[in-house]
Every structure is written in structure tokens, then in C-alpha cells.
Amino acid sequence: MIRGRVILAAVLGVVLCDCSRTPPAPVKITQFQVTPAFIPKGISGKLCYGVENAVRIDLNPPVEELLPSPERCIDIAPAQATTYTLTARGADGSKVSKSLDVRVGNPPPRLSELSATPTEVKRGGQVVVCFKAENARDIKVSKGKLTPGKNCLTDHPRKTTAYKITVFGADREQDSGTVTVTVR
């Protein structure tokens, strides 16, 4: 009889104490970021997130179905500035949220394929400097005459000359490059 009471007391102690169950670990958002922070229109970026102890996560505005993961990135291409909110929910019903703003705008200008022909001339000889310009609203050259409608300039240098080309974007961002022509 005493033995039965001891067992009953032990069982009651465990039930009343609930000592056998540990509380669930708290849900956490370990990372939430976008790369790049400024996304040009028509270009995609990466939204990366990481969560711990989550059973469900939601992204608003939705991009695709997200699964709890310690580290994952998805592609985003917002048409305008957007605030994304990530919400992670734990097994115990708890939730945490984080938000971030993504700026969207005009693509930056890009200067490429800058070259001079020839790269070495006699004094007063003709030089043609050509380049490619993307997303440029304006072009500035340091020397020479820019041919209208073409991305080339001509010059007749009297001494070794560095030609600097600068392209400006819609929001006055710029990209530039330099090519040097040697005069013998």
C-alpha cells in the first residue's frame, strides 16, 4: 500500500510539475537582407533570409512560397520601391517579424569597350576614340570632337593625350574611363 502511494505521488509530481517537458526554443529571424540595396528597373536582386525554430514563414508582399531555412535567397524584381516584411512563426504560436525597404530606380550608366585607334600617332595625326554607352543621358569627353549620334570622337593630338569619357545616367550617376594615345 505504501509502495502504491509512493508511485502515485511520483506520477502526480511529474504531472503537476510538468518537469519532463522543456519549453520550445524561441523563433528567430537570423538574417533578412537584399542585395543590392538599390535595384535598377528591370533587373533582379537577391532577398536572403534565415530563421531558427520556425514552423512557418510568410513574406509580404509574397514573391514565392517560402520554407523555414537557416539560409536561403530568392530572386526579386520589384517594379517600384517596396517594403518587404518577413514573419516567422514558432511551434508555440509565437511570431517575430522584420521589415526592409528596397529602392528601385533607373539603371546606372555603363561605359565599356573604350578604345583608341591608333594608340600611337605622329604629332597632329588623327586619332579615333570609340566606346559603348548604356543607359546614358549625357556624354562628356575631355578632349576631341564627339561625332553626333555615334559614340566616337576624333582628335589630332600634338602631345601624348589621355582621353577621358564620362557617361551620365538619369539620376546623374556616372561611369567613366580613360584611354591614352602616345604621340611620337
C-alpha atoms as a PDB file:
ATOM      1  CA  MET A   1       0.000   0.000   0.000  1.00  0.00           C
ATOM      2  CA  ILE A   2       2.795   2.395   0.851  1.00  0.00           C
ATOM      3  CA  ARG A   3       4.541   1.442  -2.343  1.00  0.00           C
ATOM      4  CA  GLY A   4       1.391   2.315  -4.338  1.00  0.00           C
ATOM      5  CA  ARG A   5       1.201   5.732  -2.650  1.00  0.00           C
ATOM      6  CA  VAL A   6       4.860   6.463  -3.491  1.00  0.00           C
ATOM      7  CA  ILE A   7       4.292   5.609  -7.147  1.00  0.00           C
ATOM      8  CA  LEU A   8       1.091   7.673  -7.209  1.00  0.00           C
ATOM      9  CA  ALA A   9       2.902  10.605  -5.577  1.00  0.00           C
ATOM     10  CA  ALA A  10       5.745  10.342  -8.091  1.00  0.00           C
ATOM     11  CA  VAL A  11       3.328  10.298 -11.022  1.00  0.00           C
ATOM     12  CA  LEU A  12       1.358  13.209  -9.553  1.00  0.00           C
ATOM     13  CA  GLY A  13       4.612  15.133  -9.034  1.00  0.00           C
ATOM     14  CA  VAL A  14       5.590  14.727 -12.683  1.00  0.00           C
ATOM     15  CA  VAL A  15       2.101  15.669 -13.901  1.00  0.00           C
ATOM     16  CA  LEU A  16       1.778  18.684 -11.627  1.00  0.00           C
ATOM     17  CA  CYS A  17       5.366  19.839 -12.189  1.00  0.00           C
ATOM     18  CA  ASP A  18       5.447  19.023 -15.906  1.00  0.00           C
ATOM     19  CA  CYS A  19       9.206  18.781 -15.350  1.00  0.00           C
ATOM     20  CA  SER A  20       9.685  16.341 -18.202  1.00  0.00           C
ATOM     21  CA  ARG A  21       8.876  18.896 -20.910  1.00  0.00           C
ATOM     22  CA  THR A  22      11.304  21.672 -21.865  1.00  0.00           C
ATOM     23  CA  PRO A  23       9.902  24.862 -23.335  1.00  0.00           C
ATOM     24  CA  PRO A  24      10.308  25.228 -27.120  1.00  0.00           C
ATOM     25  CA  ALA A  25      13.247  27.287 -28.311  1.00  0.00           C
ATOM     26  CA  PRO A  26      12.220  30.809 -29.355  1.00  0.00           C
ATOM     27  CA  VAL A  27      11.663  31.529 -33.014  1.00  0.00           C
ATOM     28  CA  LYS A  28      14.305  33.868 -34.507  1.00  0.00           C
ATOM     29  CA  ILE A  29      14.997  35.655 -37.774  1.00  0.00           C
ATOM     30  CA  THR A  30      18.771  35.395 -38.053  1.00  0.00           C
ATOM     31  CA  GLN A  31      19.120  37.301 -41.310  1.00  0.00           C
ATOM     32  CA  PHE A  32      16.967  39.356 -43.660  1.00  0.00           C
ATOM     33  CA  GLN A  33      18.631  41.433 -46.348  1.00  0.00           C
ATOM     34  CA  VAL A  34      18.534  42.359 -50.024  1.00  0.00           C
ATOM     35  CA  THR A  35      21.448  42.627 -52.440  1.00  0.00           C
ATOM     36  CA  PRO A  36      21.853  45.131 -53.938  1.00  0.00           C
ATOM     37  CA  ALA A  37      20.019  47.628 -51.700  1.00  0.00           C
ATOM     38  CA  PHE A  38      19.164  49.635 -54.840  1.00  0.00           C
ATOM     39  CA  ILE A  39      17.711  47.592 -57.705  1.00  0.00           C
ATOM     40  CA  PRO A  40      17.611  49.133 -61.183  1.00  0.00           C
ATOM     41  CA  LYS A  41      14.272  48.816 -63.005  1.00  0.00           C
ATOM     42  CA  GLY A  42      14.136  45.596 -64.993  1.00  0.00           C
ATOM     43  CA  ILE A  43      16.958  43.982 -63.019  1.00  0.00           C
ATOM     44  CA  SER A  44      16.538  41.383 -60.293  1.00  0.00           C
ATOM     45  CA  GLY A  45      18.138  41.290 -56.876  1.00  0.00           C
ATOM     46  CA  LYS A  46      18.513  38.693 -54.142  1.00  0.00           C
ATOM     47  CA  LEU A  47      16.419  38.713 -50.987  1.00  0.00           C
ATOM     48  CA  CYS A  48      18.083  36.476 -48.406  1.00  0.00           C
ATOM     49  CA  TYR A  49      16.662  35.227 -45.131  1.00  0.00           C
ATOM     50  CA  GLY A  50      17.436  32.810 -42.347  1.00  0.00           C
ATOM     51  CA  VAL A  51      15.263  31.579 -39.473  1.00  0.00           C
ATOM     52  CA  GLU A  52      15.651  29.312 -36.455  1.00  0.00           C
ATOM     53  CA  ASN A  53      12.943  27.272 -34.711  1.00  0.00           C
ATOM     54  CA  ALA A  54      10.251  28.365 -37.184  1.00  0.00           C
ATOM     55  CA  VAL A  55       7.499  26.073 -38.402  1.00  0.00           C
ATOM     56  CA  ARG A  56       6.138  28.569 -40.919  1.00  0.00           C
ATOM     57  CA  ILE A  57       7.284  31.792 -42.567  1.00  0.00           C
ATOM     58  CA  ASP A  58       5.497  34.369 -44.688  1.00  0.00           C
ATOM     59  CA  LEU A  59       6.750  37.193 -46.872  1.00  0.00           C
ATOM     60  CA  ASN A  60       4.601  40.210 -47.607  1.00  0.00           C
ATOM     61  CA  PRO A  61       4.242  41.110 -50.415  1.00  0.00           C
ATOM     62  CA  PRO A  62       4.552  37.480 -51.441  1.00  0.00           C
ATOM     63  CA  VAL A  63       7.159  36.520 -54.040  1.00  0.00           C
ATOM     64  CA  GLU A  64       7.046  32.740 -53.824  1.00  0.00           C
ATOM     65  CA  GLU A  65       6.283  30.132 -51.194  1.00  0.00           C
ATOM     66  CA  LEU A  66       8.962  30.249 -48.525  1.00  0.00           C
ATOM     67  CA  LEU A  67      10.080  27.407 -46.326  1.00  0.00           C
ATOM     68  CA  PRO A  68      11.845  27.749 -42.985  1.00  0.00           C
ATOM     69  CA  SER A  69      15.578  27.615 -43.620  1.00  0.00           C
ATOM     70  CA  PRO A  70      18.719  28.716 -41.791  1.00  0.00           C
ATOM     71  CA  GLU A  71      19.906  30.386 -45.011  1.00  0.00           C
ATOM     72  CA  ARG A  72      18.132  30.896 -48.332  1.00  0.00           C
ATOM     73  CA  CYS A  73      17.994  33.512 -51.094  1.00  0.00           C
ATOM     74  CA  ILE A  74      15.265  34.178 -53.647  1.00  0.00           C
ATOM     75  CA  ASP A  75      15.167  36.435 -56.703  1.00  0.00           C
ATOM     76  CA  ILE A  76      13.087  39.606 -56.532  1.00  0.00           C
ATOM     77  CA  ALA A  77      12.384  42.196 -59.239  1.00  0.00           C
ATOM     78  CA  PRO A  78      10.074  44.848 -57.775  1.00  0.00           C
ATOM     79  CA  ALA A  79       8.662  47.398 -60.239  1.00  0.00           C
ATOM     80  CA  GLN A  80       8.812  50.169 -57.632  1.00  0.00           C
ATOM     81  CA  ALA A  81      10.149  50.854 -54.150  1.00  0.00           C
ATOM     82  CA  THR A  82       8.800  48.109 -51.886  1.00  0.00           C
ATOM     83  CA  THR A  83       8.807  47.255 -48.185  1.00  0.00           C
ATOM     84  CA  TYR A  84       9.136  43.509 -47.582  1.00  0.00           C
ATOM     85  CA  THR A  85       8.085  42.012 -44.238  1.00  0.00           C
ATOM     86  CA  LEU A  86       9.210  38.534 -43.174  1.00  0.00           C
ATOM     87  CA  THR A  87       7.193  36.847 -40.414  1.00  0.00           C
ATOM     88  CA  ALA A  88       8.398  33.639 -38.754  1.00  0.00           C
ATOM     89  CA  ARG A  89       6.057  31.572 -36.574  1.00  0.00           C
ATOM     90  CA  GLY A  90       7.153  29.149 -33.869  1.00  0.00           C
ATOM     91  CA  ALA A  91       5.591  25.836 -32.795  1.00  0.00           C
ATOM     92  CA  ASP A  92       4.227  27.519 -29.666  1.00  0.00           C
ATOM     93  CA  GLY A  93       2.312  30.127 -31.707  1.00  0.00           C
ATOM     94  CA  SER A  94       4.854  32.891 -31.158  1.00  0.00           C
ATOM     95  CA  LYS A  95       5.901  35.066 -34.060  1.00  0.00           C
ATOM     96  CA  VAL A  96       8.593  37.578 -34.967  1.00  0.00           C
ATOM     97  CA  SER A  97       8.743  39.950 -37.928  1.00  0.00           C
ATOM     98  CA  LYS A  98      11.365  42.062 -39.666  1.00  0.00           C
ATOM     99  CA  SER A  99      10.919  44.560 -42.500  1.00  0.00           C
ATOM    100  CA  LEU A 100      13.258  46.060 -45.047  1.00  0.00           C
ATOM    101  CA  ASP A 101      12.915  48.661 -47.793  1.00  0.00           C
ATOM    102  CA  VAL A 102      14.058  48.035 -51.350  1.00  0.00           C
ATOM    103  CA  ARG A 103      14.690  51.054 -53.533  1.00  0.00           C
ATOM    104  CA  VAL A 104      14.062  50.789 -57.265  1.00  0.00           C
ATOM    105  CA  GLY A 105      15.136  53.263 -59.913  1.00  0.00           C
ATOM    106  CA  ASN A 106      16.727  53.896 -63.244  1.00  0.00           C
ATOM    107  CA  PRO A 107      19.566  51.601 -64.239  1.00  0.00           C
ATOM    108  CA  PRO A 108      23.001  53.166 -63.799  1.00  0.00           C
ATOM    109  CA  PRO A 109      25.015  54.258 -66.820  1.00  0.00           C
ATOM    110  CA  ARG A 110      27.757  51.962 -68.041  1.00  0.00           C
ATOM    111  CA  LEU A 111      30.791  52.744 -70.172  1.00  0.00           C
ATOM    112  CA  SER A 112      32.510  49.832 -71.921  1.00  0.00           C
ATOM    113  CA  GLU A 113      34.731  48.888 -74.840  1.00  0.00           C
ATOM    114  CA  LEU A 114      36.703  52.137 -74.690  1.00  0.00           C
ATOM    115  CA  SER A 115      39.470  52.064 -77.308  1.00  0.00           C
ATOM    116  CA  ALA A 116      41.653  54.360 -79.379  1.00  0.00           C
ATOM    117  CA  THR A 117      42.761  53.760 -82.973  1.00  0.00           C
ATOM    118  CA  PRO A 118      45.651  54.058 -83.333  1.00  0.00           C
ATOM    119  CA  THR A 119      47.164  54.117 -79.854  1.00  0.00           C
ATOM    120  CA  GLU A 120      50.355  55.727 -81.161  1.00  0.00           C
ATOM    121  CA  VAL A 121      50.499  58.536 -83.765  1.00  0.00           C
ATOM    122  CA  LYS A 122      52.820  61.161 -85.171  1.00  0.00           C
ATOM    123  CA  ARG A 123      52.264  64.689 -83.917  1.00  0.00           C
ATOM    124  CA  GLY A 124      48.982  66.029 -85.409  1.00  0.00           C
ATOM    125  CA  GLY A 125      47.914  62.601 -86.704  1.00  0.00           C
ATOM    126  CA  GLN A 126      44.255  61.601 -86.497  1.00  0.00           C
ATOM    127  CA  VAL A 127      43.017  59.514 -83.587  1.00  0.00           C
ATOM    128  CA  VAL A 128      39.554  57.973 -83.257  1.00  0.00           C
ATOM    129  CA  VAL A 129      38.353  57.039 -79.759  1.00  0.00           C
ATOM    130  CA  CYS A 130      35.216  54.865 -79.602  1.00  0.00           C
ATOM    131  CA  PHE A 131      33.189  53.374 -76.758  1.00  0.00           C
ATOM    132  CA  LYS A 132      29.859  51.830 -75.835  1.00  0.00           C
ATOM    133  CA  ALA A 133      27.482  53.641 -73.506  1.00  0.00           C
ATOM    134  CA  GLU A 134      24.443  52.043 -71.860  1.00  0.00           C
ATOM    135  CA  ASN A 135      21.697  53.914 -70.006  1.00  0.00           C
ATOM    136  CA  ALA A 136      23.430  57.239 -70.698  1.00  0.00           C
ATOM    137  CA  ARG A 137      21.517  60.505 -70.833  1.00  0.00           C
ATOM    138  CA  ASP A 138      24.615  62.595 -71.430  1.00  0.00           C
ATOM    139  CA  ILE A 139      28.220  62.036 -72.512  1.00  0.00           C
ATOM    140  CA  LYS A 140      31.190  64.268 -71.755  1.00  0.00           C
ATOM    141  CA  VAL A 141      34.609  63.972 -73.385  1.00  0.00           C
ATOM    142  CA  SER A 142      37.762  65.646 -72.084  1.00  0.00           C
ATOM    143  CA  LYS A 143      39.326  66.275 -75.498  1.00  0.00           C
ATOM    144  CA  GLY A 144      38.389  65.900 -79.130  1.00  0.00           C
ATOM    145  CA  LYS A 145      35.143  66.280 -81.008  1.00  0.00           C
ATOM    146  CA  LEU A 146      32.315  63.831 -80.320  1.00  0.00           C
ATOM    147  CA  THR A 147      30.584  62.689 -83.511  1.00  0.00           C
ATOM    148  CA  PRO A 148      26.813  63.320 -83.130  1.00  0.00           C
ATOM    149  CA  GLY A 149      24.804  60.077 -82.977  1.00  0.00           C
ATOM    150  CA  LYS A 150      27.922  57.917 -82.656  1.00  0.00           C
ATOM    151  CA  ASN A 151      29.972  57.002 -79.653  1.00  0.00           C
ATOM    152  CA  CYS A 152      33.260  58.086 -81.220  1.00  0.00           C
ATOM    153  CA  LEU A 153      35.387  61.190 -81.117  1.00  0.00           C
ATOM    154  CA  THR A 154      38.191  62.377 -83.361  1.00  0.00           C
ATOM    155  CA  ASP A 155      41.255  64.402 -82.468  1.00  0.00           C
ATOM    156  CA  HIS A 156      44.668  65.407 -83.796  1.00  0.00           C
ATOM    157  CA  PRO A 157      46.862  65.409 -80.676  1.00  0.00           C
ATOM    158  CA  ARG A 158      50.153  67.326 -80.611  1.00  0.00           C
ATOM    159  CA  LYS A 159      51.385  65.521 -77.485  1.00  0.00           C
ATOM    160  CA  THR A 160      50.632  62.299 -75.624  1.00  0.00           C
ATOM    161  CA  THR A 161      46.997  62.648 -74.538  1.00  0.00           C
ATOM    162  CA  ALA A 162      44.666  60.872 -72.111  1.00  0.00           C
ATOM    163  CA  TYR A 163      41.047  60.891 -73.354  1.00  0.00           C
ATOM    164  CA  LYS A 164      38.523  60.666 -70.551  1.00  0.00           C
ATOM    165  CA  ILE A 165      34.938  59.713 -71.402  1.00  0.00           C
ATOM    166  CA  THR A 166      32.199  60.156 -68.782  1.00  0.00           C
ATOM    167  CA  VAL A 167      28.624  58.919 -69.215  1.00  0.00           C
ATOM    168  CA  PHE A 168      25.833  60.278 -67.011  1.00  0.00           C
ATOM    169  CA  GLY A 169      22.633  58.426 -66.081  1.00  0.00           C
ATOM    170  CA  ALA A 170      19.098  59.624 -65.495  1.00  0.00           C
ATOM    171  CA  ASP A 171      19.791  60.344 -61.830  1.00  0.00           C
ATOM    172  CA  ARG A 172      23.192  61.960 -62.551  1.00  0.00           C
ATOM    173  CA  GLU A 173      25.150  58.822 -61.667  1.00  0.00           C
ATOM    174  CA  GLN A 174      28.248  58.461 -63.753  1.00  0.00           C
ATOM    175  CA  ASP A 175      30.747  55.997 -65.136  1.00  0.00           C
ATOM    176  CA  SER A 176      33.991  56.949 -66.795  1.00  0.00           C
ATOM    177  CA  GLY A 177      37.096  55.577 -68.406  1.00  0.00           C
ATOM    178  CA  THR A 178      40.357  56.826 -69.872  1.00  0.00           C
ATOM    179  CA  VAL A 179      42.455  55.743 -72.836  1.00  0.00           C
ATOM    180  CA  THR A 180      45.863  57.213 -73.631  1.00  0.00           C
ATOM    181  CA  VAL A 181      47.312  57.885 -77.070  1.00  0.00           C
ATOM    182  CA  THR A 182      51.074  58.274 -77.358  1.00  0.00           C
ATOM    183  CA  VAL A 183      52.465  60.926 -79.696  1.00  0.00           C
ATOM    184  CA  ARG A 184      55.938  60.223 -81.107  1.00  0.00           C
END
